[in-house]
Every structure is written in structure tokens, then in C-alpha cells.
Amino acid sequence: MAKRYEELSETLIEFIAAQKLYFVGTATADSRVNISPKGMNSLRVLDKNRVIWLNATGSGNETSAHVRINPRMTVMFCAFEGPPLILRLYGSATVIHINHPEWDELYNHFKPLPGARQIFDLAIDLVQTSCGFGVPFYEYAGDRPLLNDWAVSKGEEGIRQYWIDRNQQSIDGLPTHIIEGNMKLE
């Protein structure tokens, strides 16, 4: 049976800290719904109604495009070991790019990540738990090094060029604002 809460409890904060994988869902009123798996120890709980997660450069940039138009975001965690549980965090997100005044303060919550391009700051307005009885057991075998290796091999200039070439629009043609948010324009 699903339960709703206004904020994260200490037990749920501990559950989040133990998770190796979470999912982020966003959409505008008329865009495709985007659901992205996230890992790499990239999420931090700042308080009972606020989480931030560090976004690495990838093949798309849907979340940024969606949040700029419609800040709705859902973050979902599933227990793949131990007692079953699904945890969803609903709220409004803000995109924090490298040139944003809060970038340094928020980025300091994370270990440096090659190719970091945004931080998403989620103000939680609803916390929901549900049984998770249908979620299978999975054993964590470690993080894949591929994304970090790729970003390191590209270097800062290569990452910036990748943003220009591949990360400026969503699959629906919505702007992501990655260039003005992350690069000094001459």
C-alpha cells in the first residue's frame, strides 16, 4: 500500500544514501516523457525537502530542456536488495549550470566528475513509498568506468564541443541552454 509524506524521514534518507541507482522522470506539457537511469554516486540529500544530483555529459540533455519549461520532476529509487521498497520524490527542479552563482557551493557536495554539466536542485513537495514487491533482486557489481573514461579522453575542450554539437536541443527540439549556462561566450 502506497504511503505519502510531506518530507523525507531519517530512515528514507538512509535508504537513499545506500542506493546505487535511481531514475529521473521529466516532461513538458507536449514533449516526450524522459526517464533516465542515474548512478555514479551523484545524488545528495541536503535536507528533508531538498535533493541535488550531478548530471554528467551524455548523449542527450532532455532533463535540462524539460525543467526549463516545466520544472516538474520525479526521482524514483527501488530496493534491489534487502526489504522491498519503492521511493518516489515529487517536486520542482531548477537547473544549475557551471556559470550559475550557486554552482561552486552545490558542486562541493560531490567528488569531481569528468564531464559534469549541470546540477539539478529538487524542492520536494511529496514523498511516496510503495511496496516494491514486484522489483527483482539484483546484486551490485560496481560502477561502469566508461562514461568517466570517455569524458577524460575528450578533455574539457572536447566536452565543450560535444555540448555544442550534441547537447543543445532535446529530441523534441527544445533548447537546453547548455552553451550559455556552461561556457563563456566571447
N, C-alpha and C. Protein backbone atom coordinates (compact mmCIF):
# COMPACT_ATOMS: atom_id res chain seq x y z
N MET A 1 0.83 -1.18 0.00
CA MET A 1 0.00 0.00 0.00
C MET A 1 0.88 1.25 0.00
N ALA A 2 0.61 2.16 -0.91
CA ALA A 2 1.39 3.39 -1.00
C ALA A 2 1.11 4.30 0.19
N LYS A 3 2.18 4.98 0.64
CA LYS A 3 2.06 5.95 1.72
C LYS A 3 2.66 7.27 1.25
N ARG A 4 2.06 8.37 1.70
CA ARG A 4 2.52 9.70 1.31
C ARG A 4 3.04 10.44 2.54
N TYR A 5 4.08 11.24 2.29
CA TYR A 5 4.68 12.05 3.35
C TYR A 5 4.99 13.43 2.80
N GLU A 6 5.08 14.40 3.69
CA GLU A 6 5.42 15.76 3.29
C GLU A 6 6.93 15.97 3.20
N GLU A 7 7.72 15.07 3.81
CA GLU A 7 9.16 15.22 3.82
C GLU A 7 9.82 13.86 3.99
N LEU A 8 11.12 13.83 3.77
CA LEU A 8 11.90 12.61 3.95
C LEU A 8 12.15 12.38 5.44
N SER A 9 11.98 11.15 5.88
CA SER A 9 12.34 10.76 7.24
C SER A 9 13.82 10.37 7.26
N GLU A 10 14.39 10.25 8.43
CA GLU A 10 15.78 9.81 8.55
C GLU A 10 15.96 8.42 7.94
N THR A 11 14.97 7.55 8.12
CA THR A 11 15.04 6.20 7.55
C THR A 11 15.10 6.25 6.03
N LEU A 12 14.29 7.11 5.42
CA LEU A 12 14.29 7.24 3.96
C LEU A 12 15.58 7.89 3.46
N ILE A 13 16.12 8.84 4.22
CA ILE A 13 17.39 9.45 3.84
C ILE A 13 18.50 8.39 3.86
N GLU A 14 18.50 7.52 4.85
CA GLU A 14 19.47 6.42 4.91
C GLU A 14 19.28 5.46 3.74
N PHE A 15 18.03 5.18 3.38
CA PHE A 15 17.74 4.32 2.23
C PHE A 15 18.33 4.94 0.96
N ILE A 16 18.11 6.23 0.74
CA ILE A 16 18.63 6.92 -0.44
C ILE A 16 20.15 6.81 -0.48
N ALA A 17 20.80 7.05 0.64
CA ALA A 17 22.27 7.02 0.69
C ALA A 17 22.83 5.65 0.31
N ALA A 18 22.07 4.60 0.52
CA ALA A 18 22.53 3.24 0.23
C ALA A 18 22.29 2.83 -1.23
N GLN A 19 21.53 3.62 -1.98
CA GLN A 19 21.17 3.22 -3.34
C GLN A 19 22.28 3.52 -4.33
N LYS A 20 22.48 2.62 -5.26
CA LYS A 20 23.48 2.78 -6.31
C LYS A 20 22.87 3.25 -7.62
N LEU A 21 21.55 3.22 -7.71
CA LEU A 21 20.83 3.52 -8.95
C LEU A 21 19.54 4.24 -8.60
N TYR A 22 19.22 5.26 -9.38
CA TYR A 22 17.92 5.93 -9.26
C TYR A 22 17.49 6.37 -10.65
N PHE A 23 16.24 6.77 -10.77
CA PHE A 23 15.66 7.14 -12.05
C PHE A 23 15.05 8.53 -11.94
N VAL A 24 15.21 9.33 -13.01
CA VAL A 24 14.68 10.69 -13.04
C VAL A 24 13.69 10.79 -14.19
N GLY A 25 12.50 11.32 -13.90
CA GLY A 25 11.47 11.50 -14.92
C GLY A 25 11.07 12.95 -15.05
N THR A 26 10.99 13.43 -16.30
CA THR A 26 10.56 14.80 -16.60
C THR A 26 9.78 14.81 -17.91
N ALA A 27 9.03 15.88 -18.13
CA ALA A 27 8.32 16.10 -19.39
C ALA A 27 7.77 17.51 -19.39
N THR A 28 7.57 18.05 -20.57
CA THR A 28 6.80 19.29 -20.70
C THR A 28 5.37 18.87 -20.99
N ALA A 29 4.50 19.84 -21.21
CA ALA A 29 3.10 19.51 -21.47
C ALA A 29 2.93 18.71 -22.76
N ASP A 30 3.81 18.94 -23.74
CA ASP A 30 3.63 18.25 -25.02
C ASP A 30 4.91 17.60 -25.56
N SER A 31 5.87 17.36 -24.70
CA SER A 31 7.08 16.66 -25.13
C SER A 31 6.96 15.18 -24.81
N ARG A 32 7.91 14.42 -25.28
CA ARG A 32 8.01 13.04 -24.86
C ARG A 32 8.39 13.00 -23.38
N VAL A 33 7.94 11.98 -22.68
CA VAL A 33 8.35 11.79 -21.28
C VAL A 33 9.75 11.20 -21.30
N ASN A 34 10.63 11.75 -20.50
CA ASN A 34 12.00 11.24 -20.42
C ASN A 34 12.22 10.61 -19.06
N ILE A 35 12.74 9.39 -19.05
CA ILE A 35 13.11 8.69 -17.83
C ILE A 35 14.55 8.25 -17.99
N SER A 36 15.40 8.73 -17.08
CA SER A 36 16.84 8.46 -17.18
C SER A 36 17.33 7.72 -15.94
N PRO A 37 18.10 6.64 -16.15
CA PRO A 37 18.75 5.99 -15.01
C PRO A 37 20.00 6.79 -14.63
N LYS A 38 20.25 6.89 -13.34
CA LYS A 38 21.41 7.63 -12.84
C LYS A 38 22.12 6.80 -11.79
N GLY A 39 23.43 6.98 -11.72
CA GLY A 39 24.25 6.28 -10.74
C GLY A 39 25.45 7.14 -10.40
N MET A 40 26.61 6.52 -10.27
CA MET A 40 27.88 7.21 -10.07
C MET A 40 27.91 8.06 -8.79
N ASN A 41 27.13 7.66 -7.78
CA ASN A 41 27.12 8.38 -6.51
C ASN A 41 26.85 9.87 -6.72
N SER A 42 25.83 10.17 -7.51
CA SER A 42 25.60 11.53 -8.00
C SER A 42 24.43 12.26 -7.34
N LEU A 43 23.87 11.74 -6.25
CA LEU A 43 22.74 12.39 -5.61
C LEU A 43 23.05 12.64 -4.14
N ARG A 44 22.64 13.82 -3.66
CA ARG A 44 22.83 14.19 -2.26
C ARG A 44 21.53 14.74 -1.69
N VAL A 45 21.22 14.34 -0.48
CA VAL A 45 20.09 14.90 0.26
C VAL A 45 20.62 16.09 1.05
N LEU A 46 20.08 17.27 0.78
CA LEU A 46 20.51 18.47 1.51
C LEU A 46 19.67 18.69 2.77
N ASP A 47 18.39 18.38 2.67
CA ASP A 47 17.52 18.41 3.85
C ASP A 47 16.29 17.57 3.55
N LYS A 48 15.32 17.59 4.43
CA LYS A 48 14.16 16.69 4.30
C LYS A 48 13.26 17.01 3.11
N ASN A 49 13.47 18.15 2.47
CA ASN A 49 12.68 18.52 1.31
C ASN A 49 13.53 19.01 0.14
N ARG A 50 14.80 18.62 0.13
CA ARG A 50 15.66 19.08 -0.96
C ARG A 50 16.76 18.07 -1.25
N VAL A 51 16.84 17.70 -2.54
CA VAL A 51 17.95 16.88 -3.01
C VAL A 51 18.58 17.56 -4.22
N ILE A 52 19.85 17.27 -4.43
CA ILE A 52 20.54 17.73 -5.64
C ILE A 52 21.17 16.51 -6.29
N TRP A 53 21.26 16.54 -7.61
CA TRP A 53 22.01 15.49 -8.30
C TRP A 53 22.83 16.09 -9.42
N LEU A 54 24.02 15.53 -9.55
CA LEU A 54 25.01 16.00 -10.51
C LEU A 54 24.85 15.23 -11.81
N ASN A 55 24.70 15.96 -12.88
CA ASN A 55 24.45 15.36 -14.19
C ASN A 55 25.72 15.41 -15.03
N ALA A 56 26.13 14.26 -15.53
CA ALA A 56 27.31 14.16 -16.39
C ALA A 56 26.89 14.30 -17.85
N THR A 57 27.82 14.73 -18.68
CA THR A 57 27.58 14.83 -20.11
C THR A 57 27.21 13.46 -20.66
N GLY A 58 26.18 13.44 -21.48
CA GLY A 58 25.72 12.20 -22.09
C GLY A 58 25.16 12.47 -23.46
N SER A 59 24.57 11.45 -24.04
CA SER A 59 24.11 11.53 -25.42
C SER A 59 22.95 12.49 -25.61
N GLY A 60 22.16 12.71 -24.58
CA GLY A 60 21.05 13.65 -24.67
C GLY A 60 21.09 14.61 -23.50
N ASN A 61 20.16 15.55 -23.53
CA ASN A 61 20.09 16.56 -22.46
C ASN A 61 18.62 16.91 -22.22
N GLU A 62 17.79 15.88 -22.22
CA GLU A 62 16.34 16.05 -22.11
C GLU A 62 15.92 16.73 -20.82
N THR A 63 16.51 16.31 -19.71
CA THR A 63 16.07 16.82 -18.41
C THR A 63 16.22 18.33 -18.34
N SER A 64 17.33 18.86 -18.81
CA SER A 64 17.55 20.30 -18.78
C SER A 64 16.51 21.03 -19.62
N ALA A 65 16.25 20.53 -20.81
CA ALA A 65 15.26 21.17 -21.68
C ALA A 65 13.87 21.16 -21.04
N HIS A 66 13.49 20.04 -20.45
CA HIS A 66 12.17 19.91 -19.84
C HIS A 66 12.02 20.83 -18.63
N VAL A 67 13.01 20.81 -17.74
CA VAL A 67 12.91 21.56 -16.48
C VAL A 67 12.83 23.07 -16.74
N ARG A 68 13.46 23.55 -17.78
CA ARG A 68 13.40 24.98 -18.09
C ARG A 68 11.99 25.40 -18.48
N ILE A 69 11.22 24.48 -19.06
CA ILE A 69 9.86 24.79 -19.49
C ILE A 69 8.85 24.40 -18.42
N ASN A 70 9.06 23.24 -17.82
CA ASN A 70 8.15 22.73 -16.80
C ASN A 70 9.01 22.09 -15.70
N PRO A 71 9.09 22.68 -14.54
CA PRO A 71 10.03 22.21 -13.52
C PRO A 71 9.64 20.92 -12.80
N ARG A 72 8.53 20.29 -13.19
CA ARG A 72 8.13 19.03 -12.55
C ARG A 72 9.22 17.98 -12.72
N MET A 73 9.50 17.28 -11.64
CA MET A 73 10.47 16.19 -11.70
C MET A 73 10.06 15.12 -10.70
N THR A 74 10.26 13.87 -11.09
CA THR A 74 10.10 12.75 -10.17
C THR A 74 11.40 11.98 -10.14
N VAL A 75 11.88 11.68 -8.95
CA VAL A 75 13.05 10.84 -8.77
C VAL A 75 12.57 9.57 -8.08
N MET A 76 12.95 8.41 -8.64
CA MET A 76 12.49 7.13 -8.10
C MET A 76 13.67 6.24 -7.74
N PHE A 77 13.56 5.60 -6.57
CA PHE A 77 14.53 4.63 -6.09
C PHE A 77 13.81 3.31 -5.90
N CYS A 78 14.49 2.19 -6.16
CA CYS A 78 13.94 0.86 -5.92
C CYS A 78 14.94 0.07 -5.09
N ALA A 79 14.45 -0.67 -4.11
CA ALA A 79 15.32 -1.55 -3.34
C ALA A 79 15.56 -2.81 -4.17
N PHE A 80 16.81 -3.02 -4.58
CA PHE A 80 17.18 -4.22 -5.33
C PHE A 80 17.78 -5.28 -4.42
N GLU A 81 17.98 -4.92 -3.15
CA GLU A 81 18.45 -5.85 -2.13
C GLU A 81 17.74 -5.49 -0.83
N GLY A 82 17.72 -6.39 0.11
CA GLY A 82 17.05 -6.14 1.38
C GLY A 82 15.55 -6.09 1.24
N PRO A 83 14.87 -5.49 2.22
CA PRO A 83 13.40 -5.41 2.17
C PRO A 83 12.93 -4.64 0.94
N PRO A 84 11.82 -5.03 0.34
CA PRO A 84 11.32 -4.34 -0.85
C PRO A 84 10.82 -2.93 -0.51
N LEU A 85 11.07 -2.00 -1.43
CA LEU A 85 10.61 -0.62 -1.27
C LEU A 85 10.80 0.12 -2.58
N ILE A 86 9.82 0.92 -2.92
CA ILE A 86 9.94 1.91 -3.99
C ILE A 86 9.72 3.26 -3.32
N LEU A 87 10.60 4.21 -3.63
CA LEU A 87 10.51 5.56 -3.07
C LEU A 87 10.49 6.54 -4.23
N ARG A 88 9.49 7.41 -4.22
CA ARG A 88 9.40 8.46 -5.23
C ARG A 88 9.43 9.83 -4.56
N LEU A 89 10.22 10.73 -5.15
CA LEU A 89 10.28 12.12 -4.71
C LEU A 89 9.69 12.98 -5.81
N TYR A 90 8.65 13.71 -5.50
CA TYR A 90 7.99 14.59 -6.46
C TYR A 90 8.29 16.04 -6.09
N GLY A 91 8.52 16.87 -7.10
CA GLY A 91 8.75 18.26 -6.79
C GLY A 91 9.07 19.10 -8.00
N SER A 92 9.64 20.27 -7.72
CA SER A 92 10.02 21.23 -8.75
C SER A 92 11.54 21.37 -8.75
N ALA A 93 12.10 21.29 -9.93
CA ALA A 93 13.56 21.32 -10.07
C ALA A 93 14.03 22.60 -10.72
N THR A 94 15.26 22.94 -10.39
CA THR A 94 15.96 24.06 -11.01
C THR A 94 17.24 23.52 -11.63
N VAL A 95 17.60 24.03 -12.80
CA VAL A 95 18.85 23.66 -13.45
C VAL A 95 19.93 24.62 -13.00
N ILE A 96 21.02 24.07 -12.50
CA ILE A 96 22.17 24.88 -12.08
C ILE A 96 23.32 24.53 -13.04
N HIS A 97 23.68 25.49 -13.88
CA HIS A 97 24.81 25.30 -14.79
C HIS A 97 26.10 25.81 -14.14
N ILE A 98 27.21 25.54 -14.77
CA ILE A 98 28.53 25.90 -14.26
C ILE A 98 28.65 27.41 -14.02
N ASN A 99 28.04 28.24 -14.84
CA ASN A 99 28.13 29.69 -14.67
C ASN A 99 27.14 30.25 -13.64
N HIS A 100 26.31 29.41 -13.04
CA HIS A 100 25.32 29.83 -12.05
C HIS A 100 26.02 30.19 -10.73
N PRO A 101 25.56 31.24 -10.03
CA PRO A 101 26.21 31.63 -8.78
C PRO A 101 26.26 30.53 -7.71
N GLU A 102 25.34 29.59 -7.72
CA GLU A 102 25.32 28.52 -6.71
C GLU A 102 26.14 27.30 -7.11
N TRP A 103 26.69 27.28 -8.32
CA TRP A 103 27.40 26.09 -8.80
C TRP A 103 28.47 25.61 -7.83
N ASP A 104 29.41 26.47 -7.47
CA ASP A 104 30.53 26.04 -6.63
C ASP A 104 30.06 25.48 -5.30
N GLU A 105 29.13 26.16 -4.65
CA GLU A 105 28.62 25.69 -3.36
C GLU A 105 27.99 24.30 -3.49
N LEU A 106 27.17 24.10 -4.50
CA LEU A 106 26.49 22.81 -4.67
C LEU A 106 27.45 21.73 -5.18
N TYR A 107 28.33 22.10 -6.09
CA TYR A 107 29.28 21.12 -6.65
C TYR A 107 30.21 20.56 -5.56
N ASN A 108 30.47 21.34 -4.54
CA ASN A 108 31.33 20.88 -3.44
C ASN A 108 30.74 19.71 -2.66
N HIS A 109 29.48 19.40 -2.87
CA HIS A 109 28.86 18.24 -2.22
C HIS A 109 29.26 16.92 -2.90
N PHE A 110 29.91 17.00 -4.05
CA PHE A 110 30.24 15.82 -4.84
C PHE A 110 31.75 15.67 -5.03
N LYS A 111 32.17 14.44 -5.31
CA LYS A 111 33.53 14.24 -5.80
C LYS A 111 33.56 14.77 -7.22
N PRO A 112 34.67 15.38 -7.65
CA PRO A 112 34.73 15.89 -9.02
C PRO A 112 34.38 14.79 -10.04
N LEU A 113 33.59 15.18 -11.02
CA LEU A 113 33.12 14.24 -12.04
C LEU A 113 33.49 14.76 -13.41
N PRO A 114 34.30 14.02 -14.17
CA PRO A 114 34.65 14.46 -15.52
C PRO A 114 33.38 14.64 -16.36
N GLY A 115 33.29 15.75 -17.06
CA GLY A 115 32.13 15.98 -17.93
C GLY A 115 30.90 16.48 -17.20
N ALA A 116 31.02 16.88 -15.93
CA ALA A 116 29.86 17.43 -15.21
C ALA A 116 29.31 18.61 -15.98
N ARG A 117 28.00 18.65 -16.18
CA ARG A 117 27.43 19.74 -16.98
C ARG A 117 26.31 20.49 -16.28
N GLN A 118 25.62 19.87 -15.33
CA GLN A 118 24.54 20.53 -14.62
C GLN A 118 24.37 19.89 -13.26
N ILE A 119 23.77 20.65 -12.36
CA ILE A 119 23.25 20.11 -11.11
C ILE A 119 21.76 20.41 -11.13
N PHE A 120 20.97 19.44 -10.76
CA PHE A 120 19.53 19.65 -10.64
C PHE A 120 19.20 19.73 -9.16
N ASP A 121 18.51 20.79 -8.80
CA ASP A 121 18.15 21.09 -7.41
C ASP A 121 16.64 20.86 -7.30
N LEU A 122 16.24 19.82 -6.58
CA LEU A 122 14.84 19.43 -6.49
C LEU A 122 14.26 19.83 -5.14
N ALA A 123 13.25 20.70 -5.17
CA ALA A 123 12.46 21.05 -3.99
C ALA A 123 11.31 20.03 -3.92
N ILE A 124 11.35 19.18 -2.92
CA ILE A 124 10.39 18.07 -2.80
C ILE A 124 9.10 18.57 -2.17
N ASP A 125 7.96 18.28 -2.84
CA ASP A 125 6.67 18.63 -2.25
C ASP A 125 5.84 17.40 -1.88
N LEU A 126 6.28 16.22 -2.32
CA LEU A 126 5.60 14.98 -1.95
C LEU A 126 6.61 13.83 -1.96
N VAL A 127 6.55 13.02 -0.92
CA VAL A 127 7.35 11.80 -0.82
C VAL A 127 6.36 10.65 -0.79
N GLN A 128 6.59 9.63 -1.64
CA GLN A 128 5.69 8.48 -1.66
C GLN A 128 6.50 7.20 -1.60
N THR A 129 6.05 6.29 -0.76
CA THR A 129 6.65 4.95 -0.73
C THR A 129 5.59 3.95 -1.17
N SER A 130 6.03 2.88 -1.78
CA SER A 130 5.13 1.77 -2.10
C SER A 130 5.89 0.47 -1.92
N CYS A 131 5.18 -0.63 -2.03
CA CYS A 131 5.69 -1.93 -1.57
C CYS A 131 6.94 -2.43 -2.29
N GLY A 132 7.02 -2.30 -3.58
CA GLY A 132 8.17 -2.82 -4.31
C GLY A 132 8.23 -4.33 -4.39
N PHE A 133 7.12 -5.01 -4.12
CA PHE A 133 7.10 -6.48 -4.12
C PHE A 133 7.46 -7.07 -5.48
N GLY A 134 7.21 -6.34 -6.56
CA GLY A 134 7.49 -6.85 -7.89
C GLY A 134 8.90 -6.53 -8.40
N VAL A 135 9.70 -5.81 -7.61
CA VAL A 135 11.05 -5.45 -8.02
C VAL A 135 11.99 -6.62 -7.72
N PRO A 136 12.71 -7.12 -8.72
CA PRO A 136 13.58 -8.27 -8.50
C PRO A 136 14.83 -7.92 -7.69
N PHE A 137 15.48 -8.93 -7.16
CA PHE A 137 16.77 -8.75 -6.51
C PHE A 137 17.84 -8.60 -7.59
N TYR A 138 18.76 -7.68 -7.40
CA TYR A 138 19.93 -7.53 -8.25
C TYR A 138 21.12 -7.30 -7.35
N GLU A 139 22.25 -7.83 -7.77
CA GLU A 139 23.46 -7.64 -6.99
C GLU A 139 24.33 -6.58 -7.66
N TYR A 140 24.74 -5.59 -6.88
CA TYR A 140 25.58 -4.51 -7.37
C TYR A 140 27.00 -5.05 -7.59
N ALA A 141 27.52 -4.86 -8.80
CA ALA A 141 28.86 -5.36 -9.13
C ALA A 141 29.87 -4.23 -9.31
N GLY A 142 29.42 -2.98 -9.23
CA GLY A 142 30.32 -1.85 -9.37
C GLY A 142 29.84 -0.89 -10.44
N ASP A 143 30.40 0.31 -10.40
CA ASP A 143 30.09 1.31 -11.43
C ASP A 143 30.86 1.00 -12.70
N ARG A 144 30.27 1.32 -13.81
CA ARG A 144 30.98 1.19 -15.09
C ARG A 144 31.89 2.41 -15.24
N PRO A 145 33.13 2.23 -15.62
CA PRO A 145 34.04 3.37 -15.77
C PRO A 145 33.91 4.07 -17.13
N LEU A 146 33.08 3.57 -18.01
CA LEU A 146 33.06 4.03 -19.40
C LEU A 146 32.77 5.51 -19.57
N LEU A 147 31.78 6.06 -18.86
CA LEU A 147 31.43 7.46 -19.04
C LEU A 147 32.56 8.37 -18.56
N ASN A 148 33.13 8.06 -17.40
CA ASN A 148 34.26 8.85 -16.91
C ASN A 148 35.45 8.75 -17.86
N ASP A 149 35.75 7.54 -18.32
CA ASP A 149 36.88 7.36 -19.25
C ASP A 149 36.66 8.17 -20.53
N TRP A 150 35.42 8.13 -21.05
CA TRP A 150 35.09 8.88 -22.26
C TRP A 150 35.30 10.37 -22.04
N ALA A 151 34.79 10.90 -20.91
CA ALA A 151 34.90 12.33 -20.62
C ALA A 151 36.36 12.75 -20.45
N VAL A 152 37.14 11.94 -19.77
CA VAL A 152 38.56 12.25 -19.58
C VAL A 152 39.27 12.27 -20.93
N SER A 153 38.97 11.29 -21.78
CA SER A 153 39.63 11.22 -23.09
C SER A 153 39.25 12.41 -23.98
N LYS A 154 38.04 12.94 -23.82
CA LYS A 154 37.60 14.11 -24.58
C LYS A 154 38.32 15.37 -24.12
N GLY A 155 38.56 15.49 -22.81
CA GLY A 155 39.13 16.71 -22.27
C GLY A 155 38.09 17.82 -22.21
N GLU A 156 38.43 18.90 -21.54
CA GLU A 156 37.46 19.99 -21.37
C GLU A 156 37.01 20.59 -22.69
N GLU A 157 37.95 20.83 -23.60
CA GLU A 157 37.58 21.41 -24.90
C GLU A 157 36.71 20.44 -25.70
N GLY A 158 37.04 19.16 -25.65
CA GLY A 158 36.24 18.16 -26.36
C GLY A 158 34.83 18.06 -25.80
N ILE A 159 34.70 18.16 -24.48
CA ILE A 159 33.37 18.14 -23.86
C ILE A 159 32.57 19.35 -24.29
N ARG A 160 33.21 20.52 -24.28
CA ARG A 160 32.51 21.74 -24.71
C ARG A 160 32.03 21.62 -26.17
N GLN A 161 32.88 21.06 -27.01
CA GLN A 161 32.48 20.88 -28.40
C GLN A 161 31.33 19.88 -28.51
N TYR A 162 31.35 18.85 -27.68
CA TYR A 162 30.26 17.87 -27.66
C TYR A 162 28.96 18.57 -27.26
N TRP A 163 29.02 19.46 -26.26
CA TRP A 163 27.82 20.21 -25.88
C TRP A 163 27.28 21.00 -27.06
N ILE A 164 28.19 21.65 -27.80
CA ILE A 164 27.78 22.44 -28.97
C ILE A 164 27.15 21.54 -30.03
N ASP A 165 27.78 20.43 -30.29
CA ASP A 165 27.35 19.53 -31.38
C ASP A 165 26.13 18.69 -31.03
N ARG A 166 26.02 18.25 -29.74
CA ARG A 166 25.04 17.21 -29.42
C ARG A 166 24.08 17.50 -28.27
N ASN A 167 24.30 18.53 -27.48
CA ASN A 167 23.51 18.72 -26.26
C ASN A 167 22.69 20.01 -26.22
N GLN A 168 22.54 20.71 -27.34
CA GLN A 168 21.83 21.99 -27.31
C GLN A 168 20.31 21.87 -27.43
N GLN A 169 19.82 20.74 -27.91
CA GLN A 169 18.37 20.57 -28.07
C GLN A 169 17.96 19.19 -27.59
N SER A 170 16.71 19.13 -27.11
CA SER A 170 16.12 17.84 -26.75
C SER A 170 15.73 17.10 -28.03
N ILE A 171 15.28 15.88 -27.88
CA ILE A 171 14.84 15.12 -29.06
C ILE A 171 13.61 15.75 -29.70
N ASP A 172 12.89 16.59 -28.94
CA ASP A 172 11.72 17.30 -29.47
C ASP A 172 12.07 18.70 -29.96
N GLY A 173 13.38 19.04 -29.99
CA GLY A 173 13.83 20.34 -30.49
C GLY A 173 13.77 21.46 -29.47
N LEU A 174 13.61 21.14 -28.19
CA LEU A 174 13.56 22.16 -27.15
C LEU A 174 14.97 22.57 -26.75
N PRO A 175 15.21 23.86 -26.51
CA PRO A 175 16.56 24.31 -26.14
C PRO A 175 16.93 23.85 -24.73
N THR A 176 18.20 23.50 -24.55
CA THR A 176 18.70 23.08 -23.23
C THR A 176 19.45 24.19 -22.51
N HIS A 177 19.87 25.21 -23.24
CA HIS A 177 20.62 26.35 -22.69
C HIS A 177 21.98 25.95 -22.13
N ILE A 178 22.52 24.85 -22.61
CA ILE A 178 23.81 24.37 -22.09
C ILE A 178 24.95 25.30 -22.45
N ILE A 179 24.91 25.91 -23.62
CA ILE A 179 26.02 26.76 -24.06
C ILE A 179 26.11 28.01 -23.18
N GLU A 180 25.03 28.77 -23.08
CA GLU A 180 25.09 29.97 -22.26
C GLU A 180 25.23 29.68 -20.77
N GLY A 181 24.79 28.51 -20.33
CA GLY A 181 24.91 28.15 -18.93
C GLY A 181 26.28 27.64 -18.52
N ASN A 182 27.03 27.11 -19.49
CA ASN A 182 28.29 26.45 -19.15
C ASN A 182 29.51 27.01 -19.84
N MET A 183 29.34 27.94 -20.75
CA MET A 183 30.50 28.43 -21.50
C MET A 183 30.49 29.95 -21.51
N LYS A 184 31.66 30.51 -21.40
CA LYS A 184 31.78 31.95 -21.55
C LYS A 184 31.73 32.27 -23.04
N LEU A 185 30.77 33.12 -23.40
CA LEU A 185 30.63 33.50 -24.81
C LEU A 185 31.44 34.76 -25.06
N GLU A 186 32.20 34.77 -26.16
CA GLU A 186 33.01 35.95 -26.49
C GLU A 186 32.11 37.01 -27.11
